[in-house]
Amino acid sequence: MADRLTAYTDLLRTAAGKTAAVRDGIQQVVNTLVSSSDSRGEPWGDDSLGNQFANGANGYLTSKTNILEGANNMSGTFGNFSQGQLDAVTELTNMDHGNAAGLE
């Protein structure tokens, strides 16, 4: 006889909330970074050295864009994980109720 499968939907729901909190924390860091750096304007100046710093192939502006894109993607990934966990809770609950109804 097969072993029973136990689904801990309450724990999975809790995990989904914690995963969503990670998403929110990452997004808060991104938002703080954007507002803080935007408030400083362009402190590197408009001379050739400042232009190279900001606009070079590996310059500040390119790096900033890449970092923000990566962090936003990470936040989105945790959001997707959280939603997947919640979807799994729904599917497991529906399956459990369907199986119980079949035994009546």
N, C-alpha and C. Protein backbone atom coordinates (compact mmCIF):
# COMPACT_ATOMS: atom_id res chain seq x y z
N MET A 1 0.85 -1.17 0.00
CA MET A 1 0.00 0.00 0.00
C MET A 1 0.90 1.24 0.00
N ALA A 2 0.46 2.24 -0.72
CA ALA A 2 1.23 3.48 -0.84
C ALA A 2 1.13 4.30 0.44
N ASP A 3 2.21 5.01 0.72
CA ASP A 3 2.17 5.93 1.85
C ASP A 3 1.23 7.07 1.54
N ARG A 4 0.72 7.68 2.58
CA ARG A 4 -0.18 8.82 2.41
C ARG A 4 0.63 10.06 2.08
N LEU A 5 0.03 10.90 1.28
CA LEU A 5 0.63 12.18 0.95
C LEU A 5 -0.02 13.23 1.84
N THR A 6 0.81 13.97 2.55
CA THR A 6 0.29 15.02 3.42
C THR A 6 0.71 16.36 2.85
N ALA A 7 -0.26 17.22 2.66
CA ALA A 7 0.02 18.57 2.18
C ALA A 7 -0.24 19.54 3.31
N TYR A 8 0.74 20.32 3.64
CA TYR A 8 0.62 21.30 4.71
C TYR A 8 0.30 22.66 4.10
N THR A 9 -0.96 22.81 3.71
CA THR A 9 -1.35 24.04 3.02
C THR A 9 -1.20 25.27 3.90
N ASP A 10 -1.40 25.11 5.20
CA ASP A 10 -1.24 26.25 6.10
C ASP A 10 0.21 26.74 6.11
N LEU A 11 1.15 25.80 6.09
CA LEU A 11 2.57 26.17 6.06
C LEU A 11 2.95 26.76 4.70
N LEU A 12 2.37 26.22 3.65
CA LEU A 12 2.64 26.74 2.31
C LEU A 12 2.09 28.16 2.16
N ARG A 13 0.93 28.40 2.73
CA ARG A 13 0.35 29.75 2.70
C ARG A 13 1.25 30.73 3.49
N THR A 14 1.75 30.28 4.64
CA THR A 14 2.66 31.10 5.43
C THR A 14 3.95 31.39 4.65
N ALA A 15 4.47 30.35 3.99
CA ALA A 15 5.67 30.53 3.17
C ALA A 15 5.43 31.53 2.05
N ALA A 16 4.24 31.49 1.45
CA ALA A 16 3.91 32.44 0.38
C ALA A 16 3.93 33.87 0.91
N GLY A 17 3.43 34.07 2.11
CA GLY A 17 3.46 35.40 2.72
C GLY A 17 4.88 35.87 2.98
N LYS A 18 5.73 34.95 3.43
CA LYS A 18 7.13 35.31 3.69
C LYS A 18 7.87 35.58 2.39
N THR A 19 7.56 34.82 1.37
CA THR A 19 8.17 35.05 0.06
C THR A 19 7.74 36.40 -0.49
N ALA A 20 6.47 36.74 -0.31
CA ALA A 20 5.97 38.06 -0.74
C ALA A 20 6.67 39.18 0.05
N ALA A 21 6.97 38.92 1.31
CA ALA A 21 7.67 39.92 2.12
C ALA A 21 9.09 40.15 1.60
N VAL A 22 9.74 39.10 1.11
CA VAL A 22 11.06 39.25 0.50
C VAL A 22 10.93 40.13 -0.75
N ARG A 23 9.91 39.84 -1.57
CA ARG A 23 9.65 40.66 -2.76
C ARG A 23 9.49 42.13 -2.38
N ASP A 24 8.67 42.37 -1.36
CA ASP A 24 8.40 43.74 -0.93
C ASP A 24 9.66 44.42 -0.40
N GLY A 25 10.49 43.66 0.32
CA GLY A 25 11.74 44.22 0.85
C GLY A 25 12.69 44.61 -0.27
N ILE A 26 12.82 43.75 -1.27
CA ILE A 26 13.69 44.08 -2.40
C ILE A 26 13.16 45.31 -3.11
N GLN A 27 11.85 45.36 -3.33
CA GLN A 27 11.27 46.50 -4.04
C GLN A 27 11.45 47.79 -3.24
N GLN A 28 11.37 47.70 -1.93
CA GLN A 28 11.58 48.88 -1.09
C GLN A 28 13.02 49.39 -1.21
N VAL A 29 13.97 48.47 -1.25
CA VAL A 29 15.37 48.87 -1.44
C VAL A 29 15.55 49.55 -2.79
N VAL A 30 14.95 48.98 -3.83
CA VAL A 30 15.05 49.58 -5.17
C VAL A 30 14.45 50.98 -5.16
N ASN A 31 13.27 51.12 -4.59
CA ASN A 31 12.60 52.42 -4.56
C ASN A 31 13.43 53.46 -3.80
N THR A 32 14.02 53.04 -2.68
CA THR A 32 14.86 53.95 -1.89
C THR A 32 16.11 54.35 -2.68
N LEU A 33 16.72 53.38 -3.35
CA LEU A 33 17.91 53.67 -4.15
C LEU A 33 17.58 54.65 -5.27
N VAL A 34 16.48 54.42 -5.96
CA VAL A 34 16.10 55.30 -7.07
C VAL A 34 15.84 56.72 -6.57
N SER A 35 15.05 56.84 -5.52
CA SER A 35 14.72 58.20 -5.05
C SER A 35 15.95 58.90 -4.49
N SER A 36 16.81 58.16 -3.82
CA SER A 36 18.02 58.76 -3.26
C SER A 36 18.98 59.21 -4.36
N SER A 37 19.20 58.34 -5.33
CA SER A 37 20.14 58.71 -6.40
C SER A 37 19.55 59.79 -7.31
N ASP A 38 18.25 59.74 -7.56
CA ASP A 38 17.62 60.77 -8.40
C ASP A 38 17.66 62.14 -7.72
N SER A 39 17.58 62.16 -6.41
CA SER A 39 17.57 63.44 -5.69
C SER A 39 18.93 64.14 -5.76
N ARG A 40 19.96 63.39 -6.09
CA ARG A 40 21.31 63.97 -6.16
C ARG A 40 21.65 64.53 -7.54
N GLY A 41 20.77 64.30 -8.50
CA GLY A 41 21.02 64.82 -9.84
C GLY A 41 22.19 64.12 -10.50
N GLU A 42 23.04 64.90 -11.15
CA GLU A 42 24.22 64.39 -11.85
C GLU A 42 25.48 65.02 -11.26
N PRO A 43 25.92 64.54 -10.11
CA PRO A 43 27.03 65.18 -9.40
C PRO A 43 28.39 65.01 -10.08
N TRP A 44 28.47 64.24 -11.16
CA TRP A 44 29.75 64.02 -11.81
C TRP A 44 30.16 65.17 -12.72
N GLY A 45 29.27 66.12 -12.94
CA GLY A 45 29.60 67.30 -13.74
C GLY A 45 29.48 67.06 -15.23
N ASP A 46 29.83 68.11 -15.98
CA ASP A 46 29.66 68.03 -17.43
C ASP A 46 30.99 68.13 -18.20
N ASP A 47 32.09 67.91 -17.50
CA ASP A 47 33.38 67.91 -18.18
C ASP A 47 33.64 66.53 -18.79
N SER A 48 34.77 66.37 -19.46
CA SER A 48 35.05 65.09 -20.15
C SER A 48 35.21 63.94 -19.16
N LEU A 49 35.81 64.19 -18.01
CA LEU A 49 35.96 63.14 -17.00
C LEU A 49 34.60 62.71 -16.46
N GLY A 50 33.74 63.68 -16.17
CA GLY A 50 32.39 63.37 -15.71
C GLY A 50 31.60 62.63 -16.76
N ASN A 51 31.75 63.04 -18.02
CA ASN A 51 31.05 62.37 -19.12
C ASN A 51 31.51 60.93 -19.26
N GLN A 52 32.81 60.70 -19.15
CA GLN A 52 33.35 59.34 -19.24
C GLN A 52 32.83 58.49 -18.08
N PHE A 53 32.82 59.06 -16.89
CA PHE A 53 32.32 58.34 -15.72
C PHE A 53 30.86 57.93 -15.92
N ALA A 54 30.05 58.85 -16.39
CA ALA A 54 28.61 58.60 -16.50
C ALA A 54 28.24 57.79 -17.73
N ASN A 55 28.87 58.08 -18.86
CA ASN A 55 28.40 57.54 -20.14
C ASN A 55 29.30 56.51 -20.79
N GLY A 56 30.40 56.17 -20.17
CA GLY A 56 31.29 55.17 -20.75
C GLY A 56 30.59 53.82 -20.88
N ALA A 57 31.23 52.90 -21.60
CA ALA A 57 30.64 51.57 -21.83
C ALA A 57 30.25 50.89 -20.52
N ASN A 58 31.08 51.06 -19.52
CA ASN A 58 30.77 50.52 -18.19
C ASN A 58 30.51 51.66 -17.21
N GLY A 59 29.97 52.73 -17.73
CA GLY A 59 29.75 53.92 -16.92
C GLY A 59 28.63 53.78 -15.91
N TYR A 60 28.53 54.82 -15.12
CA TYR A 60 27.57 54.84 -14.02
C TYR A 60 26.13 54.63 -14.51
N LEU A 61 25.74 55.33 -15.55
CA LEU A 61 24.34 55.25 -16.00
C LEU A 61 23.98 53.86 -16.51
N THR A 62 24.89 53.24 -17.25
CA THR A 62 24.65 51.87 -17.72
C THR A 62 24.60 50.91 -16.55
N SER A 63 25.55 51.06 -15.63
CA SER A 63 25.57 50.19 -14.45
C SER A 63 24.32 50.37 -13.61
N LYS A 64 23.90 51.61 -13.43
CA LYS A 64 22.69 51.88 -12.65
C LYS A 64 21.48 51.20 -13.28
N THR A 65 21.35 51.34 -14.59
CA THR A 65 20.24 50.71 -15.30
C THR A 65 20.27 49.20 -15.11
N ASN A 66 21.45 48.60 -15.26
CA ASN A 66 21.58 47.14 -15.12
C ASN A 66 21.26 46.68 -13.71
N ILE A 67 21.74 47.41 -12.73
CA ILE A 67 21.48 47.03 -11.33
C ILE A 67 19.99 47.13 -11.02
N LEU A 68 19.37 48.22 -11.43
CA LEU A 68 17.94 48.39 -11.16
C LEU A 68 17.10 47.35 -11.89
N GLU A 69 17.47 47.06 -13.13
CA GLU A 69 16.74 46.03 -13.88
C GLU A 69 16.88 44.67 -13.20
N GLY A 70 18.09 44.34 -12.78
CA GLY A 70 18.31 43.07 -12.08
C GLY A 70 17.54 42.98 -10.78
N ALA A 71 17.54 44.06 -10.01
CA ALA A 71 16.82 44.06 -8.73
C ALA A 71 15.32 43.98 -8.96
N ASN A 72 14.81 44.69 -9.96
CA ASN A 72 13.38 44.59 -10.27
C ASN A 72 13.01 43.19 -10.74
N ASN A 73 13.89 42.57 -11.52
CA ASN A 73 13.64 41.19 -11.94
C ASN A 73 13.63 40.25 -10.75
N MET A 74 14.55 40.47 -9.82
CA MET A 74 14.59 39.63 -8.62
C MET A 74 13.30 39.79 -7.81
N SER A 75 12.86 41.01 -7.65
CA SER A 75 11.61 41.27 -6.95
C SER A 75 10.45 40.57 -7.65
N GLY A 76 10.41 40.68 -8.97
CA GLY A 76 9.36 40.01 -9.74
C GLY A 76 9.41 38.50 -9.60
N THR A 77 10.61 37.95 -9.55
CA THR A 77 10.76 36.51 -9.38
C THR A 77 10.20 36.05 -8.04
N PHE A 78 10.50 36.78 -6.98
CA PHE A 78 9.95 36.42 -5.68
C PHE A 78 8.43 36.58 -5.68
N GLY A 79 7.92 37.57 -6.40
CA GLY A 79 6.47 37.72 -6.54
C GLY A 79 5.86 36.52 -7.24
N ASN A 80 6.54 36.05 -8.29
CA ASN A 80 6.06 34.86 -9.00
C ASN A 80 6.12 33.61 -8.12
N PHE A 81 7.19 33.48 -7.34
CA PHE A 81 7.29 32.36 -6.41
C PHE A 81 6.12 32.38 -5.42
N SER A 82 5.86 33.55 -4.86
CA SER A 82 4.78 33.70 -3.89
C SER A 82 3.44 33.32 -4.52
N GLN A 83 3.19 33.83 -5.72
CA GLN A 83 1.93 33.51 -6.39
C GLN A 83 1.84 32.02 -6.70
N GLY A 84 2.95 31.42 -7.10
CA GLY A 84 2.98 29.98 -7.34
C GLY A 84 2.65 29.18 -6.09
N GLN A 85 3.17 29.63 -4.96
CA GLN A 85 2.86 28.96 -3.70
C GLN A 85 1.37 29.08 -3.37
N LEU A 86 0.81 30.26 -3.58
CA LEU A 86 -0.62 30.44 -3.32
C LEU A 86 -1.47 29.62 -4.29
N ASP A 87 -1.04 29.56 -5.55
CA ASP A 87 -1.76 28.74 -6.53
C ASP A 87 -1.72 27.27 -6.14
N ALA A 88 -0.57 26.82 -5.62
CA ALA A 88 -0.44 25.44 -5.18
C ALA A 88 -1.38 25.15 -4.01
N VAL A 89 -1.50 26.10 -3.08
CA VAL A 89 -2.44 25.94 -1.96
C VAL A 89 -3.85 25.75 -2.50
N THR A 90 -4.24 26.58 -3.45
CA THR A 90 -5.58 26.48 -4.03
C THR A 90 -5.78 25.13 -4.71
N GLU A 91 -4.81 24.70 -5.51
CA GLU A 91 -4.92 23.42 -6.22
C GLU A 91 -4.98 22.25 -5.24
N LEU A 92 -4.13 22.27 -4.23
CA LEU A 92 -4.13 21.18 -3.25
C LEU A 92 -5.44 21.13 -2.47
N THR A 93 -5.96 22.30 -2.12
CA THR A 93 -7.23 22.36 -1.39
C THR A 93 -8.36 21.85 -2.26
N ASN A 94 -8.41 22.29 -3.51
CA ASN A 94 -9.46 21.83 -4.42
C ASN A 94 -9.38 20.33 -4.65
N MET A 95 -8.16 19.81 -4.80
CA MET A 95 -7.98 18.39 -5.01
C MET A 95 -8.42 17.60 -3.78
N ASP A 96 -8.08 18.11 -2.61
CA ASP A 96 -8.47 17.44 -1.37
C ASP A 96 -9.99 17.41 -1.23
N HIS A 97 -10.64 18.53 -1.51
CA HIS A 97 -12.10 18.57 -1.42
C HIS A 97 -12.73 17.66 -2.46
N GLY A 98 -12.16 17.63 -3.66
CA GLY A 98 -12.67 16.75 -4.71
C GLY A 98 -12.53 15.29 -4.33
N ASN A 99 -11.40 14.93 -3.75
CA ASN A 99 -11.19 13.55 -3.32
C ASN A 99 -12.13 13.18 -2.18
N ALA A 100 -12.35 14.11 -1.26
CA ALA A 100 -13.26 13.85 -0.14
C ALA A 100 -14.68 13.64 -0.66
N ALA A 101 -15.08 14.45 -1.64
CA ALA A 101 -16.43 14.31 -2.20
C ALA A 101 -16.59 12.97 -2.89
N GLY A 102 -15.52 12.47 -3.48
CA GLY A 102 -15.58 11.18 -4.16
C GLY A 102 -15.70 10.01 -3.20
N LEU A 103 -15.37 10.23 -1.95
CA LEU A 103 -15.45 9.15 -0.95
C LEU A 103 -16.79 9.13 -0.23
N GLU A 104 -17.62 10.12 -0.49
CA GLU A 104 -18.92 10.17 0.21
C GLU A 104 -19.89 9.17 -0.35
